[in-house]
Amino acid sequence: MDCRCSLLTRFAALALWFVPALGHASAWRVDPHKLVEMARGQVGMTVGYDPAYRVLAYPGGDVPRETGVCCDVVVRALRGLSIDLQKEVHEDMDAHFAQYPHLWQLSRPDKNIDHRRVPNLMTLFKRRGCEVPVSQRPEDYLPGDVVTCLVGGTLPHIFIVSDRKTPGGVPLVIHNIGRGAQEEDILFQYKLTGHYRLGKAGEREQAALTSSPAPR
């Protein structure tokens, strides 16, 4: 009996050791309405677009609020819910660097820029268990979902699905594509490459029932 317990204990410890290599098993708990609120609060505040490399504080580092890139909309919205993607991406990349895209000829993580790159956020969200199917059906996109696409077929872009819709029932999105943070009807304008749901499923279905049409 003691021998069996010892073997089970060793097996459990070995299994736990392998868990990080397989990615995180569960997603964050995110209130989708609060996430949308935090994203919408950037409209009129972030009025420019600047992809320049900057040295940032860590954790919680940010570029000036009046500017940024598409990833900064997502980063800032989640920080309003006490989730710091700068820290999340850096720690996961530091532990599992080989699992992330090697598109920038880096040999190690860079906490100043990694969380501001769409492919890295896609990788983190997938490893966190947040990935859901991409589709062309408006009803599949719920408030607070994070979606990625390719602008012009080559430029990765990311946005947050709004709780407002067009008169035709297509959700608006909140993003920064070059003119500062905006809430716009562009969900299906570009080729979609990723779809992520950061909160609990039950909360998201409820959010879909209470989404409102866009003001005319």
Protein backbone atom coordinates (compact mmCIF):
# COMPACT_ATOMS: atom_id res chain seq x y z
CA MET A 1 0.00 0.00 0.00
CA ASP A 2 2.81 2.40 0.94
CA CYS A 3 4.60 1.54 -2.26
CA ARG A 4 1.49 2.34 -4.35
CA CYS A 5 1.04 5.68 -2.59
CA SER A 6 4.65 6.53 -3.23
CA LEU A 7 4.30 5.73 -6.93
CA LEU A 8 1.09 7.77 -7.20
CA THR A 9 2.76 10.70 -5.50
CA ARG A 10 5.69 10.56 -7.88
CA PHE A 11 3.38 10.25 -10.90
CA ALA A 12 1.31 13.25 -9.77
CA ALA A 13 4.44 15.35 -9.28
CA LEU A 14 5.72 14.36 -12.73
CA ALA A 15 2.35 15.22 -14.31
CA LEU A 16 2.34 18.64 -12.69
CA TRP A 17 5.87 19.25 -13.94
CA PHE A 18 4.66 18.76 -17.53
CA VAL A 19 1.60 21.03 -17.27
CA PRO A 20 3.37 24.32 -18.13
CA ALA A 21 4.78 22.80 -21.30
CA LEU A 22 1.25 22.09 -22.49
CA GLY A 23 0.05 25.61 -21.87
CA HIS A 24 -2.48 26.89 -19.37
CA ALA A 25 -5.56 24.72 -19.04
CA SER A 26 -8.06 27.46 -18.27
CA ALA A 27 -8.85 30.96 -19.40
CA TRP A 28 -8.96 34.08 -17.29
CA ARG A 29 -12.22 35.11 -15.65
CA VAL A 30 -13.19 38.26 -17.48
CA ASP A 31 -16.42 40.23 -17.28
CA PRO A 32 -17.09 40.94 -20.97
CA HIS A 33 -19.11 44.10 -20.32
CA LYS A 34 -16.33 45.56 -18.19
CA LEU A 35 -13.78 44.65 -20.83
CA VAL A 36 -15.84 46.46 -23.48
CA GLU A 37 -16.26 49.41 -21.12
CA MET A 38 -12.51 49.62 -20.58
CA ALA A 39 -11.89 49.47 -24.32
CA ARG A 40 -14.55 52.07 -25.12
CA GLY A 41 -13.06 54.40 -22.52
CA GLN A 42 -10.00 54.73 -24.76
CA VAL A 43 -12.03 56.26 -27.60
CA GLY A 44 -11.30 59.99 -27.62
CA MET A 45 -8.35 59.48 -25.26
CA THR A 46 -6.04 57.53 -27.55
CA VAL A 47 -6.06 59.70 -30.67
CA GLY A 48 -2.91 58.60 -32.49
CA TYR A 49 -0.95 55.56 -33.63
CA ASP A 50 2.75 55.05 -32.97
CA PRO A 51 4.47 51.66 -33.42
CA ALA A 52 7.89 52.95 -32.35
CA TYR A 53 9.90 50.78 -29.97
CA ARG A 54 9.99 52.22 -26.46
CA VAL A 55 11.63 51.15 -23.22
CA LEU A 56 8.82 50.50 -20.74
CA ALA A 57 8.52 50.03 -17.02
CA TYR A 58 7.82 46.47 -15.91
CA PRO A 59 5.27 45.33 -14.93
CA GLY A 60 2.50 47.77 -15.85
CA GLY A 61 4.55 49.61 -18.47
CA ASP A 62 2.78 51.63 -21.14
CA VAL A 63 3.38 54.17 -23.87
CA PRO A 64 1.66 57.59 -23.53
CA ARG A 65 -2.11 57.08 -23.38
CA GLU A 66 -2.78 59.39 -26.31
CA THR A 67 -1.04 56.99 -28.68
CA GLY A 68 -0.25 53.32 -29.16
CA VAL A 69 -0.94 50.39 -31.49
CA CYS A 70 -3.78 47.91 -31.87
CA CYS A 71 -2.42 45.64 -29.12
CA ASP A 72 -2.39 48.53 -26.67
CA VAL A 73 -6.19 48.73 -26.83
CA VAL A 74 -6.40 45.14 -25.60
CA VAL A 75 -3.57 45.54 -23.08
CA ARG A 76 -5.10 48.67 -21.55
CA ALA A 77 -8.61 47.21 -21.43
CA LEU A 78 -7.41 44.10 -19.60
CA ARG A 79 -5.32 46.13 -17.19
CA GLY A 80 -8.60 47.74 -16.16
CA LEU A 81 -9.59 44.23 -15.04
CA SER A 82 -6.27 43.62 -13.22
CA ILE A 83 -4.79 41.43 -15.97
CA ASP A 84 -1.38 42.64 -17.16
CA LEU A 85 -0.59 41.19 -20.56
CA GLN A 86 2.91 42.63 -20.44
CA LYS A 87 3.62 40.43 -17.43
CA GLU A 88 1.59 37.45 -18.69
CA VAL A 89 3.32 37.38 -22.07
CA HIS A 90 6.80 37.96 -20.65
CA GLU A 91 6.53 35.24 -18.02
CA ASP A 92 5.09 32.71 -20.45
CA MET A 93 7.66 33.53 -23.13
CA ASP A 94 10.46 33.35 -20.58
CA ALA A 95 9.37 29.83 -19.62
CA HIS A 96 8.34 28.62 -23.09
CA PHE A 97 10.17 30.79 -25.60
CA ALA A 98 10.20 28.07 -28.28
CA GLN A 99 6.39 28.01 -28.30
CA TYR A 100 6.19 31.60 -29.53
CA PRO A 101 6.64 32.92 -33.10
CA HIS A 102 10.23 33.75 -34.03
CA LEU A 103 9.51 36.56 -36.47
CA TRP A 104 11.78 39.28 -35.08
CA GLN A 105 15.16 37.53 -34.85
CA LEU A 106 15.19 37.63 -31.05
CA SER A 107 17.06 35.12 -28.91
CA ARG A 108 15.19 35.92 -25.71
CA PRO A 109 11.96 37.63 -24.59
CA ASP A 110 11.77 41.44 -24.63
CA LYS A 111 9.36 42.78 -22.01
CA ASN A 112 9.28 46.16 -23.74
CA ILE A 113 7.61 44.97 -26.94
CA ASP A 114 6.50 41.32 -26.86
CA HIS A 115 3.00 42.08 -25.52
CA ARG A 116 2.53 44.72 -28.24
CA ARG A 117 2.82 42.17 -31.05
CA VAL A 118 -0.31 40.45 -32.33
CA PRO A 119 1.21 36.99 -32.99
CA ASN A 120 2.46 36.84 -29.39
CA LEU A 121 -0.98 37.70 -27.99
CA MET A 122 -2.53 35.06 -30.24
CA THR A 123 -0.09 32.49 -28.89
CA LEU A 124 -0.72 33.44 -25.26
CA PHE A 125 -4.51 33.36 -25.69
CA LYS A 126 -4.33 29.95 -27.35
CA ARG A 127 -2.06 28.59 -24.61
CA ARG A 128 -4.51 29.96 -22.05
CA GLY A 129 -7.32 27.93 -23.56
CA CYS A 130 -9.19 30.97 -24.90
CA GLU A 131 -9.38 30.01 -28.58
CA VAL A 132 -12.80 29.54 -30.18
CA PRO A 133 -13.64 28.94 -33.86
CA VAL A 134 -13.41 31.66 -36.48
CA SER A 135 -16.56 32.05 -38.55
CA GLN A 136 -18.36 34.50 -40.81
CA ARG A 137 -21.52 34.47 -38.69
CA PRO A 138 -22.12 37.66 -36.67
CA GLU A 139 -23.91 35.76 -33.91
CA ASP A 140 -20.73 33.84 -33.11
CA TYR A 141 -18.98 37.01 -31.93
CA LEU A 142 -19.90 38.03 -28.41
CA PRO A 143 -19.15 41.25 -26.51
CA GLY A 144 -15.62 41.19 -25.14
CA ASP A 145 -14.33 38.58 -27.58
CA VAL A 146 -10.86 39.33 -28.93
CA VAL A 147 -10.41 38.84 -32.67
CA THR A 148 -7.39 39.01 -34.96
CA CYS A 149 -7.16 39.59 -38.69
CA LEU A 150 -4.76 40.45 -41.49
CA VAL A 151 -4.98 43.97 -42.90
CA GLY A 152 -3.97 44.05 -46.53
CA GLY A 153 -3.31 40.34 -46.31
CA THR A 154 -0.06 40.73 -44.36
CA LEU A 155 -0.38 43.09 -41.36
CA PRO A 156 -1.64 41.42 -38.15
CA HIS A 157 -4.36 43.39 -36.36
CA ILE A 158 -6.35 42.82 -33.18
CA PHE A 159 -9.58 44.22 -31.76
CA ILE A 160 -12.25 43.75 -29.10
CA VAL A 161 -15.84 42.97 -30.06
CA SER A 162 -18.27 45.64 -28.84
CA ASP A 163 -21.66 45.18 -27.18
CA ARG A 164 -23.16 47.43 -29.88
CA LYS A 165 -24.29 46.26 -33.29
CA THR A 166 -25.10 47.69 -36.68
CA PRO A 167 -28.77 47.83 -37.71
CA GLY A 168 -28.03 44.63 -39.62
CA GLY A 169 -26.91 42.83 -36.46
CA VAL A 170 -23.14 42.82 -37.03
CA PRO A 171 -21.14 43.62 -33.88
CA LEU A 172 -18.96 46.71 -33.91
CA VAL A 173 -15.34 46.43 -32.80
CA ILE A 174 -13.07 48.66 -30.72
CA HIS A 175 -9.55 49.01 -32.06
CA ASN A 176 -6.73 51.26 -33.19
CA ILE A 177 -5.92 50.76 -36.85
CA GLY A 178 -4.10 54.07 -37.27
CA ARG A 179 -6.45 56.82 -36.17
CA GLY A 180 -6.48 56.20 -32.45
CA ALA A 181 -9.04 54.12 -30.59
CA GLN A 182 -12.29 53.85 -32.55
CA GLU A 183 -15.55 51.89 -32.37
CA GLU A 184 -16.35 50.82 -35.91
CA ASP A 185 -18.10 48.37 -38.20
CA ILE A 186 -15.13 46.39 -39.59
CA LEU A 187 -15.58 42.91 -38.10
CA PHE A 188 -15.61 41.16 -41.47
CA GLN A 189 -13.67 43.72 -43.50
CA TYR A 190 -10.41 41.77 -43.33
CA LYS A 191 -9.47 38.10 -43.30
CA LEU A 192 -9.98 36.78 -39.77
CA THR A 193 -7.13 34.75 -38.28
CA GLY A 194 -8.10 34.23 -34.63
CA HIS A 195 -11.03 34.35 -32.23
CA TYR A 196 -10.58 34.29 -28.46
CA ARG A 197 -13.00 34.31 -25.53
CA LEU A 198 -11.24 35.34 -22.34
CA GLY A 199 -14.06 34.84 -19.84
CA LYS A 200 -16.36 32.07 -18.71
CA ALA A 201 -18.71 30.69 -21.36
CA GLY A 202 -21.87 31.19 -19.33
CA GLU A 203 -21.16 34.87 -18.82
CA ARG A 204 -20.57 35.33 -22.56
CA GLU A 205 -23.86 33.78 -23.63
CA GLN A 206 -25.60 36.10 -21.18
CA ALA A 207 -23.67 39.04 -22.59
CA ALA A 208 -24.90 38.24 -26.10
CA LEU A 209 -28.49 38.46 -24.93
CA THR A 210 -28.00 41.97 -23.59
CA SER A 211 -25.94 43.52 -26.38
CA SER A 212 -27.38 46.73 -27.78
CA PRO A 213 -27.63 48.17 -31.32
CA ALA A 214 -25.16 50.86 -32.35
CA PRO A 215 -26.37 54.45 -32.08
CA ARG A 216 -27.33 55.89 -35.47
